[in-house]
Amino acid sequence: MQALARELGFSQIGIAGVDLSSAEDGLMQWLAHGFHGEMDYMAAHGTRRARPAELVPGTVSVITARMDYLPRDTPADWQAVEFDRLRWPG
């Protein structure tokens, strides 16, 4: 699976179980504070976000994939600019 993910351009892939019961209270507080911004679907799903098997019945694992990318108009020297910014904050 790792090799296929790399072939498809993903930077990382992982598989996790779906027992998120220990995170449910934190999720509900996060939503209550509005930290989900314009992602209204997160609040609409309520506790199902912490209970994936309720969101999609029969779910036993979640596969996640990460793809790193930069916007097309990112300057070629973006790293040097960022390092300079970090070196001279203010």
N, C-alpha and C. Protein backbone atom coordinates (compact mmCIF):
# COMPACT_ATOMS: atom_id res chain seq x y z
N MET A 1 0.82 -1.18 0.00
CA MET A 1 0.00 0.00 0.00
C MET A 1 0.87 1.26 0.00
N GLN A 2 1.97 1.22 0.76
CA GLN A 2 2.88 2.37 0.81
C GLN A 2 3.44 2.67 -0.58
N ALA A 3 3.86 1.64 -1.30
CA ALA A 3 4.44 1.83 -2.63
C ALA A 3 3.41 2.41 -3.59
N LEU A 4 2.19 1.91 -3.55
CA LEU A 4 1.14 2.43 -4.42
C LEU A 4 0.85 3.89 -4.09
N ALA A 5 0.82 4.21 -2.80
CA ALA A 5 0.57 5.60 -2.39
C ALA A 5 1.64 6.52 -2.95
N ARG A 6 2.90 6.11 -2.89
CA ARG A 6 3.98 6.93 -3.44
C ARG A 6 3.84 7.08 -4.95
N GLU A 7 3.49 5.99 -5.63
CA GLU A 7 3.29 6.05 -7.08
C GLU A 7 2.20 7.06 -7.45
N LEU A 8 1.19 7.17 -6.61
CA LEU A 8 0.09 8.09 -6.86
C LEU A 8 0.39 9.52 -6.42
N GLY A 9 1.57 9.73 -5.82
CA GLY A 9 1.98 11.08 -5.44
C GLY A 9 1.70 11.46 -4.00
N PHE A 10 1.27 10.50 -3.18
CA PHE A 10 1.02 10.80 -1.78
C PHE A 10 2.32 10.78 -0.99
N SER A 11 2.41 11.68 -0.01
CA SER A 11 3.61 11.78 0.83
C SER A 11 3.58 10.77 1.97
N GLN A 12 2.39 10.43 2.41
CA GLN A 12 2.26 9.54 3.57
C GLN A 12 0.89 8.88 3.53
N ILE A 13 0.82 7.68 4.05
CA ILE A 13 -0.45 6.97 4.14
C ILE A 13 -0.48 6.25 5.49
N GLY A 14 -1.65 6.16 6.08
CA GLY A 14 -1.76 5.49 7.37
C GLY A 14 -3.11 4.81 7.51
N ILE A 15 -3.17 3.86 8.41
CA ILE A 15 -4.41 3.15 8.70
C ILE A 15 -4.62 3.21 10.20
N ALA A 16 -5.84 3.54 10.61
CA ALA A 16 -6.14 3.67 12.03
C ALA A 16 -7.47 3.00 12.35
N GLY A 17 -7.62 2.61 13.60
CA GLY A 17 -8.89 2.08 14.07
C GLY A 17 -9.89 3.20 14.22
N VAL A 18 -11.12 2.87 14.58
CA VAL A 18 -12.17 3.87 14.64
C VAL A 18 -12.68 4.16 16.06
N ASP A 19 -11.98 3.67 17.08
CA ASP A 19 -12.41 3.97 18.45
C ASP A 19 -11.87 5.35 18.83
N LEU A 20 -12.70 6.36 18.68
CA LEU A 20 -12.32 7.73 19.00
C LEU A 20 -13.04 8.23 20.25
N SER A 21 -13.53 7.30 21.06
CA SER A 21 -14.33 7.67 22.22
C SER A 21 -13.59 8.61 23.16
N SER A 22 -12.29 8.47 23.28
CA SER A 22 -11.53 9.35 24.19
C SER A 22 -11.42 10.77 23.64
N ALA A 23 -11.69 10.97 22.36
CA ALA A 23 -11.58 12.30 21.75
C ALA A 23 -12.94 12.99 21.57
N GLU A 24 -14.01 12.28 21.89
CA GLU A 24 -15.34 12.82 21.61
C GLU A 24 -15.63 14.12 22.36
N ASP A 25 -15.32 14.18 23.65
CA ASP A 25 -15.57 15.41 24.41
C ASP A 25 -14.79 16.59 23.83
N GLY A 26 -13.53 16.34 23.48
CA GLY A 26 -12.71 17.40 22.89
C GLY A 26 -13.27 17.88 21.57
N LEU A 27 -13.77 16.96 20.75
CA LEU A 27 -14.37 17.34 19.47
C LEU A 27 -15.59 18.22 19.70
N MET A 28 -16.44 17.83 20.64
CA MET A 28 -17.65 18.61 20.89
C MET A 28 -17.31 20.02 21.38
N GLN A 29 -16.28 20.14 22.21
CA GLN A 29 -15.84 21.47 22.67
C GLN A 29 -15.28 22.28 21.51
N TRP A 30 -14.48 21.63 20.66
CA TRP A 30 -13.88 22.28 19.50
C TRP A 30 -14.97 22.83 18.59
N LEU A 31 -16.01 22.02 18.34
CA LEU A 31 -17.13 22.47 17.52
C LEU A 31 -17.88 23.61 18.20
N ALA A 32 -18.11 23.50 19.51
CA ALA A 32 -18.84 24.53 20.25
C ALA A 32 -18.13 25.88 20.19
N HIS A 33 -16.81 25.86 20.12
CA HIS A 33 -16.04 27.10 20.01
C HIS A 33 -15.99 27.63 18.58
N GLY A 34 -16.54 26.89 17.65
CA GLY A 34 -16.57 27.35 16.26
C GLY A 34 -15.27 27.19 15.51
N PHE A 35 -14.37 26.34 16.03
CA PHE A 35 -13.06 26.18 15.39
C PHE A 35 -13.15 25.49 14.02
N HIS A 36 -14.31 24.95 13.70
CA HIS A 36 -14.48 24.30 12.39
C HIS A 36 -14.70 25.32 11.27
N GLY A 37 -14.82 26.60 11.63
CA GLY A 37 -14.93 27.65 10.62
C GLY A 37 -16.12 27.43 9.70
N GLU A 38 -15.85 27.42 8.40
CA GLU A 38 -16.92 27.27 7.40
C GLU A 38 -17.19 25.81 7.05
N MET A 39 -16.55 24.88 7.76
CA MET A 39 -16.78 23.46 7.49
C MET A 39 -18.03 23.00 8.24
N ASP A 40 -19.18 23.53 7.82
CA ASP A 40 -20.44 23.28 8.51
C ASP A 40 -20.80 21.80 8.62
N TYR A 41 -20.34 21.00 7.67
CA TYR A 41 -20.65 19.57 7.71
C TYR A 41 -20.11 18.91 8.97
N MET A 42 -19.04 19.47 9.55
CA MET A 42 -18.49 18.87 10.78
C MET A 42 -19.48 19.00 11.92
N ALA A 43 -20.10 20.16 12.05
CA ALA A 43 -21.09 20.35 13.11
C ALA A 43 -22.38 19.60 12.78
N ALA A 44 -22.74 19.54 11.50
CA ALA A 44 -23.97 18.85 11.11
C ALA A 44 -23.91 17.37 11.45
N HIS A 45 -22.74 16.78 11.39
CA HIS A 45 -22.60 15.36 11.70
C HIS A 45 -22.55 15.09 13.20
N GLY A 46 -22.34 16.13 14.00
CA GLY A 46 -22.33 15.99 15.45
C GLY A 46 -21.38 14.91 15.93
N THR A 47 -21.88 14.05 16.81
CA THR A 47 -21.03 13.02 17.42
C THR A 47 -20.58 11.95 16.42
N ARG A 48 -21.22 11.90 15.25
CA ARG A 48 -20.82 10.89 14.26
C ARG A 48 -19.38 11.10 13.79
N ARG A 49 -18.85 12.30 13.93
CA ARG A 49 -17.44 12.55 13.58
C ARG A 49 -16.53 11.78 14.53
N ALA A 50 -16.98 11.55 15.75
CA ALA A 50 -16.19 10.79 16.72
C ALA A 50 -16.58 9.32 16.73
N ARG A 51 -17.56 8.98 15.92
CA ARG A 51 -18.04 7.59 15.83
C ARG A 51 -18.16 7.21 14.36
N PRO A 52 -17.03 6.99 13.69
CA PRO A 52 -17.06 6.73 12.25
C PRO A 52 -17.99 5.60 11.82
N ALA A 53 -18.18 4.60 12.66
CA ALA A 53 -19.06 3.49 12.29
C ALA A 53 -20.52 3.94 12.21
N GLU A 54 -20.86 5.06 12.87
CA GLU A 54 -22.20 5.62 12.74
C GLU A 54 -22.29 6.48 11.48
N LEU A 55 -21.21 7.12 11.12
CA LEU A 55 -21.18 7.95 9.92
C LEU A 55 -21.27 7.08 8.67
N VAL A 56 -20.50 6.00 8.65
CA VAL A 56 -20.54 5.02 7.56
C VAL A 56 -20.64 3.65 8.22
N PRO A 57 -21.85 3.08 8.28
CA PRO A 57 -22.05 1.80 8.96
C PRO A 57 -21.09 0.71 8.45
N GLY A 58 -20.54 -0.04 9.41
CA GLY A 58 -19.62 -1.13 9.07
C GLY A 58 -18.16 -0.72 9.04
N THR A 59 -17.88 0.57 9.26
CA THR A 59 -16.49 1.04 9.23
C THR A 59 -15.70 0.41 10.38
N VAL A 60 -14.55 -0.17 10.07
CA VAL A 60 -13.68 -0.75 11.10
C VAL A 60 -12.30 -0.11 11.10
N SER A 61 -11.92 0.52 10.00
CA SER A 61 -10.62 1.20 9.89
C SER A 61 -10.78 2.42 9.00
N VAL A 62 -9.86 3.36 9.16
CA VAL A 62 -9.83 4.56 8.33
C VAL A 62 -8.46 4.64 7.67
N ILE A 63 -8.46 4.84 6.37
CA ILE A 63 -7.21 5.02 5.63
C ILE A 63 -7.07 6.51 5.34
N THR A 64 -5.94 7.08 5.71
CA THR A 64 -5.68 8.49 5.44
C THR A 64 -4.47 8.61 4.53
N ALA A 65 -4.50 9.60 3.67
CA ALA A 65 -3.39 9.85 2.76
C ALA A 65 -3.07 11.34 2.77
N ARG A 66 -1.79 11.66 2.71
CA ARG A 66 -1.34 13.06 2.71
C ARG A 66 -0.63 13.34 1.39
N MET A 67 -0.98 14.48 0.80
CA MET A 67 -0.32 14.91 -0.42
C MET A 67 0.17 16.34 -0.21
N ASP A 68 1.47 16.51 -0.15
CA ASP A 68 2.05 17.84 0.01
C ASP A 68 2.08 18.54 -1.34
N TYR A 69 1.76 19.81 -1.34
CA TYR A 69 1.82 20.58 -2.58
C TYR A 69 1.95 22.06 -2.23
N LEU A 70 2.42 22.82 -3.17
CA LEU A 70 2.50 24.27 -3.04
C LEU A 70 1.61 24.88 -4.11
N PRO A 71 1.05 26.06 -3.85
CA PRO A 71 0.29 26.73 -4.90
C PRO A 71 1.17 26.97 -6.13
N ARG A 72 0.56 26.97 -7.30
CA ARG A 72 1.33 27.11 -8.54
C ARG A 72 2.11 28.40 -8.62
N ASP A 73 1.62 29.46 -7.98
CA ASP A 73 2.32 30.75 -8.06
C ASP A 73 3.37 30.93 -6.96
N THR A 74 3.75 29.86 -6.28
CA THR A 74 4.78 29.93 -5.25
C THR A 74 6.13 30.22 -5.89
N PRO A 75 6.83 31.28 -5.43
CA PRO A 75 8.14 31.60 -6.01
C PRO A 75 9.13 30.45 -5.81
N ALA A 76 10.04 30.29 -6.75
CA ALA A 76 11.03 29.21 -6.68
C ALA A 76 11.90 29.33 -5.43
N ASP A 77 12.11 30.57 -4.96
CA ASP A 77 12.98 30.78 -3.79
C ASP A 77 12.19 30.86 -2.49
N TRP A 78 11.02 30.24 -2.43
CA TRP A 78 10.17 30.37 -1.26
C TRP A 78 10.84 29.93 0.03
N GLN A 79 11.70 28.91 -0.03
CA GLN A 79 12.36 28.44 1.19
C GLN A 79 13.32 29.50 1.73
N ALA A 80 14.09 30.14 0.86
CA ALA A 80 15.02 31.18 1.29
C ALA A 80 14.27 32.34 1.91
N VAL A 81 13.16 32.73 1.29
CA VAL A 81 12.35 33.83 1.82
C VAL A 81 11.81 33.47 3.21
N GLU A 82 11.33 32.26 3.37
CA GLU A 82 10.79 31.83 4.66
C GLU A 82 11.88 31.75 5.72
N PHE A 83 13.05 31.22 5.36
CA PHE A 83 14.15 31.15 6.33
C PHE A 83 14.59 32.55 6.76
N ASP A 84 14.62 33.50 5.82
CA ASP A 84 14.96 34.89 6.17
C ASP A 84 13.92 35.46 7.12
N ARG A 85 12.67 35.18 6.87
CA ARG A 85 11.60 35.69 7.73
C ARG A 85 11.75 35.13 9.15
N LEU A 86 12.10 33.87 9.26
CA LEU A 86 12.27 33.26 10.58
C LEU A 86 13.51 33.77 11.29
N ARG A 87 14.52 34.08 10.51
CA ARG A 87 15.77 34.57 11.09
C ARG A 87 15.61 35.98 11.65
N TRP A 88 14.81 36.81 10.98
CA TRP A 88 14.63 38.21 11.38
C TRP A 88 13.15 38.49 11.63
N PRO A 89 12.61 37.95 12.71
CA PRO A 89 11.18 38.18 12.98
C PRO A 89 10.91 39.65 13.32
N GLY A 90 9.70 40.06 13.08
CA GLY A 90 9.34 41.40 13.49
C GLY A 90 8.65 42.12 12.44
